[in-house]
PDB file of N, CA and C in Angstrom:
ATOM      1  N   UNK A   1      12.914  -0.402  60.189  1.00  0.00           N
ATOM      2  CA  UNK A   1      13.667  -0.859  58.964  1.00  0.00           C
ATOM      3  C   UNK A   1      13.167   0.016  57.880  1.00  0.00           C
ATOM      4  N   UNK A   2      14.033   0.632  57.190  1.00  0.00           N
ATOM      5  CA  UNK A   2      13.614   1.542  56.043  1.00  0.00           C
ATOM      6  C   UNK A   2      13.450   0.671  54.807  1.00  0.00           C
ATOM      7  N   UNK A   3      12.294   0.779  54.198  1.00  0.00           N
ATOM      8  CA  UNK A   3      12.100  -0.011  52.959  1.00  0.00           C
ATOM      9  C   UNK A   3      12.357   0.889  51.778  1.00  0.00           C
ATOM     10  N   UNK A   4      13.188   0.301  50.905  1.00  0.00           N
ATOM     11  CA  UNK A   4      13.462   0.989  49.672  1.00  0.00           C
ATOM     12  C   UNK A   4      12.700   0.323  48.393  1.00  0.00           C
ATOM     13  N   UNK A   5      12.303   1.118  47.610  1.00  0.00           N
ATOM     14  CA  UNK A   5      11.619   0.546  46.343  1.00  0.00           C
ATOM     15  C   UNK A   5      12.693  -0.068  45.451  1.00  0.00           C
ATOM     16  N   UNK A   6      12.242  -1.031  44.555  1.00  0.00           N
ATOM     17  CA  UNK A   6      13.204  -1.493  43.619  1.00  0.00           C
ATOM     18  C   UNK A   6      13.997  -0.510  42.839  1.00  0.00           C
ATOM     19  N   UNK A   7      13.273   0.630  42.475  1.00  0.00           N
ATOM     20  CA  UNK A   7      13.933   1.766  41.698  1.00  0.00           C
ATOM     21  C   UNK A   7      15.094   2.285  42.486  1.00  0.00           C
ATOM     22  N   UNK A   8      14.774   2.567  43.813  1.00  0.00           N
ATOM     23  CA  UNK A   8      15.794   3.272  44.543  1.00  0.00           C
ATOM     24  C   UNK A   8      16.979   2.343  44.884  1.00  0.00           C
ATOM     25  N   UNK A   9      16.691   1.044  45.004  1.00  0.00           N
ATOM     26  CA  UNK A   9      17.851   0.088  45.192  1.00  0.00           C
ATOM     27  C   UNK A   9      18.641   0.087  43.885  1.00  0.00           C
ATOM     28  N   UNK A  10      18.162  -0.002  42.727  1.00  0.00           N
ATOM     29  CA  UNK A  10      18.830  -0.002  41.515  1.00  0.00           C
ATOM     30  C   UNK A  10      19.637   1.312  41.399  1.00  0.00           C
ATOM     31  N   UNK A  11      19.043   2.384  41.693  1.00  0.00           N
ATOM     32  CA  UNK A  11      19.803   3.746  41.637  1.00  0.00           C
ATOM     33  C   UNK A  11      21.020   3.653  42.560  1.00  0.00           C
ATOM     34  N   UNK A  12      20.818   3.189  43.737  1.00  0.00           N
ATOM     35  CA  UNK A  12      21.944   3.126  44.691  1.00  0.00           C
ATOM     36  C   UNK A  12      23.065   2.159  44.140  1.00  0.00           C
ATOM     37  N   UNK A  13      22.725   1.040  43.720  1.00  0.00           N
ATOM     38  CA  UNK A  13      23.720   0.133  43.094  1.00  0.00           C
ATOM     39  C   UNK A  13      24.401   0.777  41.948  1.00  0.00           C
ATOM     40  N   UNK A  14      23.645   1.541  41.095  1.00  0.00           N
ATOM     41  CA  UNK A  14      24.232   2.141  39.936  1.00  0.00           C
ATOM     42  C   UNK A  14      25.340   3.143  40.391  1.00  0.00           C
ATOM     43  N   UNK A  15      24.842   3.935  41.439  1.00  0.00           N
ATOM     44  CA  UNK A  15      25.777   5.036  41.947  1.00  0.00           C
ATOM     45  C   UNK A  15      27.062   4.410  42.522  1.00  0.00           C
ATOM     46  N   UNK A  16      26.902   3.280  43.308  1.00  0.00           N
ATOM     47  CA  UNK A  16      28.050   2.545  43.846  1.00  0.00           C
ATOM     48  C   UNK A  16      28.947   2.076  42.850  1.00  0.00           C
ATOM     49  N   UNK A  17      28.330   1.445  41.778  1.00  0.00           N
ATOM     50  CA  UNK A  17      29.194   0.965  40.688  1.00  0.00           C
ATOM     51  C   UNK A  17      29.957   2.020  39.906  1.00  0.00           C
ATOM     52  N   UNK A  18      29.294   3.225  39.679  1.00  0.00           N
ATOM     53  CA  UNK A  18      29.974   4.277  39.072  1.00  0.00           C
ATOM     54  C   UNK A  18      31.205   4.761  39.853  1.00  0.00           C
ATOM     55  N   UNK A  19      30.847   4.984  41.303  1.00  0.00           N
ATOM     56  CA  UNK A  19      31.958   5.378  42.193  1.00  0.00           C
ATOM     57  C   UNK A  19      33.084   4.450  42.048  1.00  0.00           C
ATOM     58  N   UNK A  20      32.937   3.096  42.021  1.00  0.00           N
ATOM     59  CA  UNK A  20      33.928   2.060  42.126  1.00  0.00           C
ATOM     60  C   UNK A  20      34.745   2.282  40.764  1.00  0.00           C
ATOM     61  N   UNK A  21      33.932   2.409  39.598  1.00  0.00           N
ATOM     62  CA  UNK A  21      34.638   2.577  38.350  1.00  0.00           C
ATOM     63  C   UNK A  21      35.572   3.807  38.334  1.00  0.00           C
ATOM     64  N   UNK A  22      35.033   4.931  38.963  1.00  0.00           N
ATOM     65  CA  UNK A  22      35.791   6.174  38.859  1.00  0.00           C
ATOM     66  C   UNK A  22      36.983   6.053  39.778  1.00  0.00           C
ATOM     67  N   UNK A  23      36.952   5.411  40.920  1.00  0.00           N
ATOM     68  CA  UNK A  23      38.119   5.284  41.762  1.00  0.00           C
ATOM     69  C   UNK A  23      39.057   4.357  41.074  1.00  0.00           C
ATOM     70  N   UNK A  24      38.586   3.233  40.401  1.00  0.00           N
ATOM     71  CA  UNK A  24      39.519   2.327  39.674  1.00  0.00           C
ATOM     72  C   UNK A  24      40.341   3.057  38.548  1.00  0.00           C
ATOM     73  N   UNK A  25      39.482   3.863  37.740  1.00  0.00           N
ATOM     74  CA  UNK A  25      40.256   4.625  36.692  1.00  0.00           C
ATOM     75  C   UNK A  25      41.220   5.552  37.271  1.00  0.00           C
ATOM     76  N   UNK A  26      40.890   6.296  38.386  1.00  0.00           N
ATOM     77  CA  UNK A  26      41.779   7.284  38.955  1.00  0.00           C
ATOM     78  C   UNK A  26      42.949   6.595  39.417  1.00  0.00           C
ATOM     79  N   UNK A  27      42.824   5.454  40.088  1.00  0.00           N
ATOM     80  CA  UNK A  27      44.066   4.700  40.502  1.00  0.00           C
ATOM     81  C   UNK A  27      44.934   4.204  39.349  1.00  0.00           C
ATOM     82  N   UNK A  28      44.363   3.821  38.264  1.00  0.00           N
ATOM     83  CA  UNK A  28      45.044   3.413  37.148  1.00  0.00           C
ATOM     84  C   UNK A  28      45.863   4.517  36.586  1.00  0.00           C
ATOM     85  N   UNK A  29      45.175   5.865  36.487  1.00  0.00           N
ATOM     86  CA  UNK A  29      45.934   6.874  36.038  1.00  0.00           C
ATOM     87  C   UNK A  29      47.098   7.311  36.877  1.00  0.00           C
ATOM     88  N   UNK A  30      46.941   7.164  38.205  1.00  0.00           N
ATOM     89  CA  UNK A  30      48.072   7.471  39.181  1.00  0.00           C
ATOM     90  C   UNK A  30      49.166   6.431  38.962  1.00  0.00           C
ATOM     91  N   UNK A  31      48.679   5.207  38.836  1.00  0.00           N
ATOM     92  CA  UNK A  31      49.747   4.195  38.644  1.00  0.00           C
ATOM     93  C   UNK A  31      50.555   4.389  37.352  1.00  0.00           C
ATOM     94  N   UNK A  32      49.918   4.791  36.216  1.00  0.00           N
ATOM     95  CA  UNK A  32      50.564   5.194  34.916  1.00  0.00           C
ATOM     96  C   UNK A  32      51.504   6.304  35.259  1.00  0.00           C
ATOM     97  N   UNK A  33      51.143   7.231  35.885  1.00  0.00           N
ATOM     98  CA  UNK A  33      52.037   8.394  36.160  1.00  0.00           C
ATOM     99  C   UNK A  33      53.243   7.937  37.049  1.00  0.00           C
ATOM    100  N   UNK A  34      52.967   7.246  38.046  1.00  0.00           N
ATOM    101  CA  UNK A  34      54.150   6.689  38.898  1.00  0.00           C
ATOM    102  C   UNK A  34      55.043   5.923  37.992  1.00  0.00           C
ATOM    103  N   UNK A  35      54.608   5.066  37.161  1.00  0.00           N
ATOM    104  CA  UNK A  35      55.493   4.344  36.260  1.00  0.00           C
ATOM    105  C   UNK A  35      56.256   5.194  35.370  1.00  0.00           C
ATOM    106  N   UNK A  36      55.534   6.309  34.737  1.00  0.00           N
ATOM    107  CA  UNK A  36      56.200   7.205  33.827  1.00  0.00           C
ATOM    108  C   UNK A  36      57.428   7.800  34.494  1.00  0.00           C
ATOM    109  N   UNK A  37      57.180   8.404  35.779  1.00  0.00           N
ATOM    110  CA  UNK A  37      58.161   9.146  36.409  1.00  0.00           C
ATOM    111  C   UNK A  37      59.312   8.155  36.812  1.00  0.00           C
ATOM    112  N   UNK A  38      58.763   6.976  37.243  1.00  0.00           N
ATOM    113  CA  UNK A  38      59.732   5.878  37.840  1.00  0.00           C
ATOM    114  C   UNK A  38      60.831   5.626  36.623  1.00  0.00           C
ATOM    115  N   UNK A  39      60.239   5.246  35.378  1.00  0.00           N
ATOM    116  CA  UNK A  39      61.148   4.981  34.350  1.00  0.00           C
ATOM    117  C   UNK A  39      62.000   6.108  33.931  1.00  0.00           C
ATOM    118  N   UNK A  40      61.428   7.381  33.986  1.00  0.00           N
ATOM    119  CA  UNK A  40      62.207   8.532  33.591  1.00  0.00           C
ATOM    120  C   UNK A  40      63.445   8.671  34.503  1.00  0.00           C
ATOM    121  N   UNK A  41      63.162   8.470  35.803  1.00  0.00           N
ATOM    122  CA  UNK A  41      64.354   8.654  36.872  1.00  0.00           C
ATOM    123  C   UNK A  41      65.366   7.588  36.630  1.00  0.00           C
ATOM    124  N   UNK A  42      64.833   6.424  36.255  1.00  0.00           N
ATOM    125  CA  UNK A  42      65.883   5.257  36.007  1.00  0.00           C
ATOM    126  C   UNK A  42      66.673   5.547  34.701  1.00  0.00           C
ATOM    127  N   UNK A  43      66.072   5.904  33.643  1.00  0.00           N
ATOM    128  CA  UNK A  43      66.786   5.943  32.372  1.00  0.00           C
ATOM    129  C   UNK A  43      67.407   7.268  32.085  1.00  0.00           C
ATOM    130  N   UNK A  44      66.998   8.450  32.652  1.00  0.00           N
ATOM    131  CA  UNK A  44      67.555   9.658  32.361  1.00  0.00           C
ATOM    132  C   UNK A  44      69.078   9.676  32.676  1.00  0.00           C
ATOM    133  N   UNK A  45      69.521   9.350  33.874  1.00  0.00           N
ATOM    134  CA  UNK A  45      70.917   9.505  34.229  1.00  0.00           C
ATOM    135  C   UNK A  45      71.834   8.710  33.185  1.00  0.00           C
ATOM    136  N   UNK A  46      71.400   7.753  32.560  1.00  0.00           N
ATOM    137  CA  UNK A  46      72.301   6.994  31.611  1.00  0.00           C
ATOM    138  C   UNK A  46      72.291   7.698  30.211  1.00  0.00           C
ATOM    139  N   UNK A  47      71.755   8.810  30.019  1.00  0.00           N
ATOM    140  CA  UNK A  47      71.914   9.403  28.770  1.00  0.00           C
ATOM    141  C   UNK A  47      73.265  10.007  28.672  1.00  0.00           C
TER     142      UNK A  47
END
């Protein structure tokens, strides 16, 4: 069994948290883009 020091464990948790935040923000950006294009396609023909 590999023993990790407290510092290494903290660093790993921090990295995992950062990765989760980054993917969450990326997903939110993609969602916003999808909504933007979706609404454009709905509302443009009625002009």
